[in-house]
């Protein structure tokens, strides 16, 4: 069920939404609903603990090593 609400927005942001709606051939309201949904999801909190596995590579990796490993994998997957 949808509920009507009024939101004040920056004029430049509104112009970008209007242009995107025209370009994509969909209503502005659909774009606003999508953005509102994303904002709502960002505020969600879960009561239960997440079961996220911890990876142990036998040593601590530096930020640069992680960045390089990710970049290498992106290249590998796109070739």
PDB file of N, CA and C in Angstrom:
ATOM      1  N   UNK A   1       0.843  -1.181   0.000  1.00  0.00           N
ATOM      2  CA  UNK A   1       0.000   0.000   0.000  1.00  0.00           C
ATOM      3  C   UNK A   1       0.889   1.246   0.000  1.00  0.00           C
ATOM      4  N   UNK A   2       0.605   2.152  -0.878  1.00  0.00           N
ATOM      5  CA  UNK A   2       1.383   3.381  -0.966  1.00  0.00           C
ATOM      6  C   UNK A   2       0.718   4.479  -0.152  1.00  0.00           C
ATOM      7  N   UNK A   3       1.536   5.336   0.455  1.00  0.00           N
ATOM      8  CA  UNK A   3       1.038   6.454   1.229  1.00  0.00           C
ATOM      9  C   UNK A   3       1.673   7.727   0.681  1.00  0.00           C
ATOM     10  N   UNK A   4       0.866   8.755   0.527  1.00  0.00           N
ATOM     11  CA  UNK A   4       1.344  10.026  -0.013  1.00  0.00           C
ATOM     12  C   UNK A   4       2.058  10.826   1.081  1.00  0.00           C
ATOM     13  N   UNK A   5       3.178  11.459   0.698  1.00  0.00           N
ATOM     14  CA  UNK A   5       3.912  12.324   1.619  1.00  0.00           C
ATOM     15  C   UNK A   5       4.513  13.479   0.824  1.00  0.00           C
ATOM     16  N   UNK A   6       4.889  14.523   1.508  1.00  0.00           N
ATOM     17  CA  UNK A   6       5.507  15.685   0.861  1.00  0.00           C
ATOM     18  C   UNK A   6       6.941  15.803   1.357  1.00  0.00           C
ATOM     19  N   UNK A   7       7.857  16.017   0.419  1.00  0.00           N
ATOM     20  CA  UNK A   7       9.269  16.115   0.761  1.00  0.00           C
ATOM     21  C   UNK A   7       9.845  17.346   0.068  1.00  0.00           C
ATOM     22  N   UNK A   8      10.630  18.113   0.799  1.00  0.00           N
ATOM     23  CA  UNK A   8      11.319  19.256   0.215  1.00  0.00           C
ATOM     24  C   UNK A   8      12.647  18.755  -0.354  1.00  0.00           C
ATOM     25  N   UNK A   9      12.940  19.118  -1.601  1.00  0.00           N
ATOM     26  CA  UNK A   9      14.177  18.669  -2.236  1.00  0.00           C
ATOM     27  C   UNK A   9      14.912  19.849  -2.857  1.00  0.00           C
ATOM     28  N   UNK A  10      16.194  19.667  -3.029  1.00  0.00           N
ATOM     29  CA  UNK A  10      17.024  20.672  -3.677  1.00  0.00           C
ATOM     30  C   UNK A  10      16.612  20.785  -5.150  1.00  0.00           C
ATOM     31  N   UNK A  11      16.546  22.007  -5.664  1.00  0.00           N
ATOM     32  CA  UNK A  11      16.109  22.229  -7.045  1.00  0.00           C
ATOM     33  C   UNK A  11      16.992  21.500  -8.060  1.00  0.00           C
ATOM     34  N   UNK A  12      18.303  21.494  -7.822  1.00  0.00           N
ATOM     35  CA  UNK A  12      19.216  20.827  -8.752  1.00  0.00           C
ATOM     36  C   UNK A  12      18.982  19.315  -8.746  1.00  0.00           C
ATOM     37  N   UNK A  13      18.748  18.752  -7.565  1.00  0.00           N
ATOM     38  CA  UNK A  13      18.452  17.319  -7.482  1.00  0.00           C
ATOM     39  C   UNK A  13      17.158  16.994  -8.216  1.00  0.00           C
ATOM     40  N   UNK A  14      16.152  17.832  -8.038  1.00  0.00           N
ATOM     41  CA  UNK A  14      14.872  17.616  -8.710  1.00  0.00           C
ATOM     42  C   UNK A  14      15.032  17.672 -10.225  1.00  0.00           C
ATOM     43  N   UNK A  15      15.851  18.608 -10.694  1.00  0.00           N
ATOM     44  CA  UNK A  15      16.091  18.705 -12.138  1.00  0.00           C
ATOM     45  C   UNK A  15      16.756  17.434 -12.669  1.00  0.00           C
ATOM     46  N   UNK A  16      17.668  16.870 -11.902  1.00  0.00           N
ATOM     47  CA  UNK A  16      18.324  15.627 -12.311  1.00  0.00           C
ATOM     48  C   UNK A  16      17.322  14.471 -12.358  1.00  0.00           C
ATOM     49  N   UNK A  17      16.421  14.413 -11.389  1.00  0.00           N
ATOM     50  CA  UNK A  17      15.394  13.366 -11.364  1.00  0.00           C
ATOM     51  C   UNK A  17      14.464  13.515 -12.565  1.00  0.00           C
ATOM     52  N   UNK A  18      14.042  14.746 -12.852  1.00  0.00           N
ATOM     53  CA  UNK A  18      13.153  14.996 -13.990  1.00  0.00           C
ATOM     54  C   UNK A  18      13.825  14.569 -15.296  1.00  0.00           C
ATOM     55  N   UNK A  19      15.109  14.897 -15.445  1.00  0.00           N
ATOM     56  CA  UNK A  19      15.844  14.530 -16.657  1.00  0.00           C
ATOM     57  C   UNK A  19      15.977  13.016 -16.770  1.00  0.00           C
ATOM     58  N   UNK A  20      16.273  12.357 -15.659  1.00  0.00           N
ATOM     59  CA  UNK A  20      16.417  10.897 -15.672  1.00  0.00           C
ATOM     60  C   UNK A  20      15.090  10.234 -16.016  1.00  0.00           C
ATOM     61  N   UNK A  21      14.009  10.725 -15.459  1.00  0.00           N
ATOM     62  CA  UNK A  21      12.684  10.147 -15.734  1.00  0.00           C
ATOM     63  C   UNK A  21      12.354  10.271 -17.216  1.00  0.00           C
ATOM     64  N   UNK A  22      12.627  11.407 -17.784  1.00  0.00           N
ATOM     65  CA  UNK A  22      12.374  11.631 -19.204  1.00  0.00           C
ATOM     66  C   UNK A  22      13.251  10.713 -20.061  1.00  0.00           C
ATOM     67  N   UNK A  23      14.524  10.655 -19.708  1.00  0.00           N
ATOM     68  CA  UNK A  23      15.479   9.834 -20.458  1.00  0.00           C
ATOM     69  C   UNK A  23      15.128   8.345 -20.379  1.00  0.00           C
ATOM     70  N   UNK A  24      14.696   7.892 -19.188  1.00  0.00           N
ATOM     71  CA  UNK A  24      14.404   6.473 -18.974  1.00  0.00           C
ATOM     72  C   UNK A  24      12.959   6.097 -19.293  1.00  0.00           C
ATOM     73  N   UNK A  25      12.142   7.109 -19.554  1.00  0.00           N
ATOM     74  CA  UNK A  25      10.750   6.856 -19.893  1.00  0.00           C
ATOM     75  C   UNK A  25       9.938   6.280 -18.748  1.00  0.00           C
ATOM     76  N   UNK A  26      10.194   6.752 -17.555  1.00  0.00           N
ATOM     77  CA  UNK A  26       9.416   6.294 -16.399  1.00  0.00           C
ATOM     78  C   UNK A  26       9.024   7.479 -15.536  1.00  0.00           C
ATOM     79  N   UNK A  27       8.016   7.324 -14.700  1.00  0.00           N
ATOM     80  CA  UNK A  27       7.555   8.456 -13.888  1.00  0.00           C
ATOM     81  C   UNK A  27       8.579   8.877 -12.838  1.00  0.00           C
ATOM     82  N   UNK A  28       8.611  10.170 -12.556  1.00  0.00           N
ATOM     83  CA  UNK A  28       9.477  10.690 -11.495  1.00  0.00           C
ATOM     84  C   UNK A  28       9.160  10.002 -10.171  1.00  0.00           C
ATOM     85  N   UNK A  29       7.879   9.767  -9.925  1.00  0.00           N
ATOM     86  CA  UNK A  29       7.457   9.161  -8.662  1.00  0.00           C
ATOM     87  C   UNK A  29       8.097   7.795  -8.453  1.00  0.00           C
ATOM     88  N   UNK A  30       8.303   7.060  -9.533  1.00  0.00           N
ATOM     89  CA  UNK A  30       8.935   5.746  -9.426  1.00  0.00           C
ATOM     90  C   UNK A  30      10.379   5.879  -8.954  1.00  0.00           C
ATOM     91  N   UNK A  31      11.077   6.872  -9.474  1.00  0.00           N
ATOM     92  CA  UNK A  31      12.458   7.114  -9.071  1.00  0.00           C
ATOM     93  C   UNK A  31      12.507   7.532  -7.605  1.00  0.00           C
ATOM     94  N   UNK A  32      11.581   8.389  -7.194  1.00  0.00           N
ATOM     95  CA  UNK A  32      11.535   8.808  -5.793  1.00  0.00           C
ATOM     96  C   UNK A  32      11.215   7.634  -4.870  1.00  0.00           C
ATOM     97  N   UNK A  33      10.279   6.766  -5.278  1.00  0.00           N
ATOM     98  CA  UNK A  33       9.957   5.589  -4.452  1.00  0.00           C
ATOM     99  C   UNK A  33      11.173   4.689  -4.303  1.00  0.00           C
ATOM    100  N   UNK A  34      11.909   4.510  -5.395  1.00  0.00           N
ATOM    101  CA  UNK A  34      13.116   3.681  -5.366  1.00  0.00           C
ATOM    102  C   UNK A  34      14.151   4.277  -4.406  1.00  0.00           C
ATOM    103  N   UNK A  35      14.363   5.582  -4.505  1.00  0.00           N
ATOM    104  CA  UNK A  35      15.327   6.259  -3.627  1.00  0.00           C
ATOM    105  C   UNK A  35      14.884   6.194  -2.165  1.00  0.00           C
ATOM    106  N   UNK A  36      13.587   6.361  -1.927  1.00  0.00           N
ATOM    107  CA  UNK A  36      13.057   6.313  -0.566  1.00  0.00           C
ATOM    108  C   UNK A  36      13.239   4.914   0.012  1.00  0.00           C
ATOM    109  N   UNK A  37      13.037   3.892  -0.822  1.00  0.00           N
ATOM    110  CA  UNK A  37      13.203   2.510  -0.375  1.00  0.00           C
ATOM    111  C   UNK A  37      14.659   2.247   0.015  1.00  0.00           C
ATOM    112  N   UNK A  38      15.592   2.733  -0.786  1.00  0.00           N
ATOM    113  CA  UNK A  38      17.019   2.561  -0.482  1.00  0.00           C
ATOM    114  C   UNK A  38      17.361   3.264   0.831  1.00  0.00           C
ATOM    115  N   UNK A  39      16.833   4.475   1.023  1.00  0.00           N
ATOM    116  CA  UNK A  39      17.075   5.200   2.276  1.00  0.00           C
ATOM    117  C   UNK A  39      16.491   4.438   3.465  1.00  0.00           C
ATOM    118  N   UNK A  40      15.314   3.861   3.288  1.00  0.00           N
ATOM    119  CA  UNK A  40      14.681   3.096   4.367  1.00  0.00           C
ATOM    120  C   UNK A  40      15.514   1.861   4.712  1.00  0.00           C
ATOM    121  N   UNK A  41      16.035   1.173   3.703  1.00  0.00           N
ATOM    122  CA  UNK A  41      16.857  -0.009   3.960  1.00  0.00           C
ATOM    123  C   UNK A  41      18.132   0.336   4.715  1.00  0.00           C
ATOM    124  N   UNK A  42      18.689   1.511   4.458  1.00  0.00           N
ATOM    125  CA  UNK A  42      19.911   1.941   5.145  1.00  0.00           C
ATOM    126  C   UNK A  42      19.679   2.112   6.645  1.00  0.00           C
ATOM    127  N   UNK A  43      18.441   2.352   7.052  1.00  0.00           N
ATOM    128  CA  UNK A  43      18.157   2.574   8.469  1.00  0.00           C
ATOM    129  C   UNK A  43      17.800   1.286   9.204  1.00  0.00           C
ATOM    130  N   UNK A  44      17.614   0.187   8.456  1.00  0.00           N
ATOM    131  CA  UNK A  44      17.173  -1.069   9.048  1.00  0.00           C
ATOM    132  C   UNK A  44      18.247  -1.663   9.953  1.00  0.00           C
ATOM    133  N   UNK A  45      17.817  -2.224  11.075  1.00  0.00           N
ATOM    134  CA  UNK A  45      18.712  -2.901  12.015  1.00  0.00           C
ATOM    135  C   UNK A  45      18.162  -4.295  12.281  1.00  0.00           C
ATOM    136  N   UNK A  46      19.056  -5.266  12.450  1.00  0.00           N
ATOM    137  CA  UNK A  46      18.650  -6.639  12.714  1.00  0.00           C
ATOM    138  C   UNK A  46      18.972  -6.988  14.156  1.00  0.00           C
ATOM    139  N   UNK A  47      18.060  -7.744  14.792  1.00  0.00           N
ATOM    140  CA  UNK A  47      18.253  -8.147  16.176  1.00  0.00           C
ATOM    141  C   UNK A  47      19.219  -9.320  16.308  1.00  0.00           C
ATOM    142  N   UNK A  48      19.196 -10.214  15.328  1.00  0.00           N
ATOM    143  CA  UNK A  48      20.019 -11.415  15.424  1.00  0.00           C
ATOM    144  C   UNK A  48      21.431 -11.153  14.898  1.00  0.00           C
ATOM    145  N   UNK A  49      22.366 -11.962  15.366  1.00  0.00           N
ATOM    146  CA  UNK A  49      23.750 -11.880  14.903  1.00  0.00           C
ATOM    147  C   UNK A  49      23.854 -12.464  13.500  1.00  0.00           C
ATOM    148  N   UNK A  50      24.701 -11.911  12.683  1.00  0.00           N
ATOM    149  CA  UNK A  50      24.926 -12.443  11.355  1.00  0.00           C
ATOM    150  C   UNK A  50      26.002 -13.519  11.424  1.00  0.00           C
ATOM    151  N   UNK A  51      25.840 -14.560  10.657  1.00  0.00           N
ATOM    152  CA  UNK A  51      26.818 -15.635  10.617  1.00  0.00           C
ATOM    153  C   UNK A  51      27.761 -15.393   9.444  1.00  0.00           C
ATOM    154  N   UNK A  52      28.692 -14.463   9.635  1.00  0.00           N
ATOM    155  CA  UNK A  52      29.645 -14.104   8.587  1.00  0.00           C
ATOM    156  C   UNK A  52      30.944 -14.845   8.876  1.00  0.00           C
ATOM    157  N   UNK A  53      31.386 -15.684   7.942  1.00  0.00           N
ATOM    158  CA  UNK A  53      32.619 -16.447   8.214  1.00  0.00           C
ATOM    159  C   UNK A  53      33.837 -15.538   8.296  1.00  0.00           C
ATOM    160  N   UNK A  54      34.741 -15.901   9.160  1.00  0.00           N
ATOM    161  CA  UNK A  54      35.988 -15.167   9.300  1.00  0.00           C
ATOM    162  C   UNK A  54      37.056 -15.943   8.534  1.00  0.00           C
ATOM    163  N   UNK A  55      37.738 -15.277   7.639  1.00  0.00           N
ATOM    164  CA  UNK A  55      38.774 -15.917   6.838  1.00  0.00           C
ATOM    165  C   UNK A  55      40.127 -15.725   7.511  1.00  0.00           C
ATOM    166  N   UNK A  56      40.869 -16.806   7.624  1.00  0.00           N
ATOM    167  CA  UNK A  56      42.188 -16.756   8.243  1.00  0.00           C
ATOM    168  C   UNK A  56      43.218 -17.187   7.206  1.00  0.00           C
ATOM    169  N   UNK A  57      44.048 -16.261   6.782  1.00  0.00           N
ATOM    170  CA  UNK A  57      45.066 -16.542   5.780  1.00  0.00           C
ATOM    171  C   UNK A  57      46.436 -16.773   6.424  1.00  0.00           C
ATOM    172  N   UNK A  58      46.436 -16.938   7.737  1.00  0.00           N
ATOM    173  CA  UNK A  58      47.682 -17.231   8.438  1.00  0.00           C
ATOM    174  C   UNK A  58      48.524 -16.014   8.764  1.00  0.00           C
ATOM    175  N   UNK A  59      48.094 -14.867   8.295  1.00  0.00           N
ATOM    176  CA  UNK A  59      48.814 -13.623   8.595  1.00  0.00           C
ATOM    177  C   UNK A  59      47.902 -12.442   8.337  1.00  0.00           C
ATOM    178  N   UNK A  60      48.294 -11.289   8.781  1.00  0.00           N
ATOM    179  CA  UNK A  60      47.545 -10.065   8.539  1.00  0.00           C
ATOM    180  C   UNK A  60      47.926  -9.504   7.176  1.00  0.00           C
ATOM    181  N   UNK A  61      46.922  -9.139   6.393  1.00  0.00           N
ATOM    182  CA  UNK A  61      47.154  -8.542   5.084  1.00  0.00           C
ATOM    183  C   UNK A  61      47.124  -7.031   5.203  1.00  0.00           C
ATOM    184  N   UNK A  62      47.970  -6.358   4.445  1.00  0.00           N
ATOM    185  CA  UNK A  62      47.965  -4.896   4.436  1.00  0.00           C
ATOM    186  C   UNK A  62      46.842  -4.406   3.529  1.00  0.00           C
ATOM    187  N   UNK A  63      46.483  -3.167   3.711  1.00  0.00           N
ATOM    188  CA  UNK A  63      45.455  -2.546   2.866  1.00  0.00           C
ATOM    189  C   UNK A  63      45.862  -2.633   1.398  1.00  0.00           C
ATOM    190  N   UNK A  64      47.129  -2.375   1.123  1.00  0.00           N
ATOM    191  CA  UNK A  64      47.621  -2.395  -0.265  1.00  0.00           C
ATOM    192  C   UNK A  64      47.532  -3.804  -0.859  1.00  0.00           C
ATOM    193  N   UNK A  65      47.835  -4.833  -0.080  1.00  0.00           N
ATOM    194  CA  UNK A  65      47.756  -6.212  -0.574  1.00  0.00           C
ATOM    195  C   UNK A  65      46.312  -6.594  -0.910  1.00  0.00           C
ATOM    196  N   UNK A  66      45.385  -6.177  -0.075  1.00  0.00           N
ATOM    197  CA  UNK A  66      43.969  -6.465  -0.325  1.00  0.00           C
ATOM    198  C   UNK A  66      43.509  -5.760  -1.594  1.00  0.00           C
ATOM    199  N   UNK A  67      43.879  -4.481  -1.713  1.00  0.00           N
ATOM    200  CA  UNK A  67      43.514  -3.706  -2.894  1.00  0.00           C
ATOM    201  C   UNK A  67      44.065  -4.357  -4.164  1.00  0.00           C
ATOM    202  N   UNK A  68      45.298  -4.804  -4.109  1.00  0.00           N
ATOM    203  CA  UNK A  68      45.930  -5.432  -5.265  1.00  0.00           C
ATOM    204  C   UNK A  68      45.257  -6.766  -5.603  1.00  0.00           C
ATOM    205  N   UNK A  69      44.918  -7.559  -4.591  1.00  0.00           N
ATOM    206  CA  UNK A  69      44.258  -8.849  -4.825  1.00  0.00           C
ATOM    207  C   UNK A  69      42.884  -8.652  -5.472  1.00  0.00           C
ATOM    208  N   UNK A  70      42.146  -7.659  -5.005  1.00  0.00           N
ATOM    209  CA  UNK A  70      40.826  -7.368  -5.575  1.00  0.00           C
ATOM    210  C   UNK A  70      40.974  -6.901  -7.025  1.00  0.00           C
ATOM    211  N   UNK A  71      41.915  -5.999  -7.269  1.00  0.00           N
ATOM    212  CA  UNK A  71      42.140  -5.502  -8.633  1.00  0.00           C
ATOM    213  C   UNK A  71      42.537  -6.643  -9.568  1.00  0.00           C
ATOM    214  N   UNK A  72      43.419  -7.542  -9.100  1.00  0.00           N
ATOM    215  CA  UNK A  72      43.835  -8.690  -9.916  1.00  0.00           C
ATOM    216  C   UNK A  72      42.639  -9.578 -10.255  1.00  0.00           C
ATOM    217  N   UNK A  73      41.753  -9.802  -9.294  1.00  0.00           N
ATOM    218  CA  UNK A  73      40.591 -10.656  -9.519  1.00  0.00           C
ATOM    219  C   UNK A  73      39.613 -10.006 -10.494  1.00  0.00           C
ATOM    220  N   UNK A  74      39.438  -8.700 -10.395  1.00  0.00           N
ATOM    221  CA  UNK A  74      38.559  -7.991 -11.338  1.00  0.00           C
ATOM    222  C   UNK A  74      39.102  -8.152 -12.760  1.00  0.00           C
ATOM    223  N   UNK A  75      40.406  -7.980 -12.921  1.00  0.00           N
ATOM    224  CA  UNK A  75      41.017  -8.139 -14.244  1.00  0.00           C
ATOM    225  C   UNK A  75      40.844  -9.578 -14.732  1.00  0.00           C
ATOM    226  N   UNK A  76      41.088 -10.566 -13.850  1.00  0.00           N
ATOM    227  CA  UNK A  76      40.964 -11.976 -14.226  1.00  0.00           C
ATOM    228  C   UNK A  76      39.553 -12.305 -14.694  1.00  0.00           C
ATOM    229  N   UNK A  77      38.553 -11.784 -13.995  1.00  0.00           N
ATOM    230  CA  UNK A  77      37.156 -12.088 -14.345  1.00  0.00           C
ATOM    231  C   UNK A  77      36.702 -11.384 -15.619  1.00  0.00           C
ATOM    232  N   UNK A  78      37.365 -10.306 -15.990  1.00  0.00           N
ATOM    233  CA  UNK A  78      36.934  -9.553 -17.168  1.00  0.00           C
ATOM    234  C   UNK A  78      37.790  -9.825 -18.391  1.00  0.00           C
ATOM    235  N   UNK A  79      38.635 -10.841 -18.344  1.00  0.00           N
ATOM    236  CA  UNK A  79      39.434 -11.170 -19.527  1.00  0.00           C
ATOM    237  C   UNK A  79      39.082 -12.534 -20.060  1.00  0.00           C
TER     238      UNK A  79
END
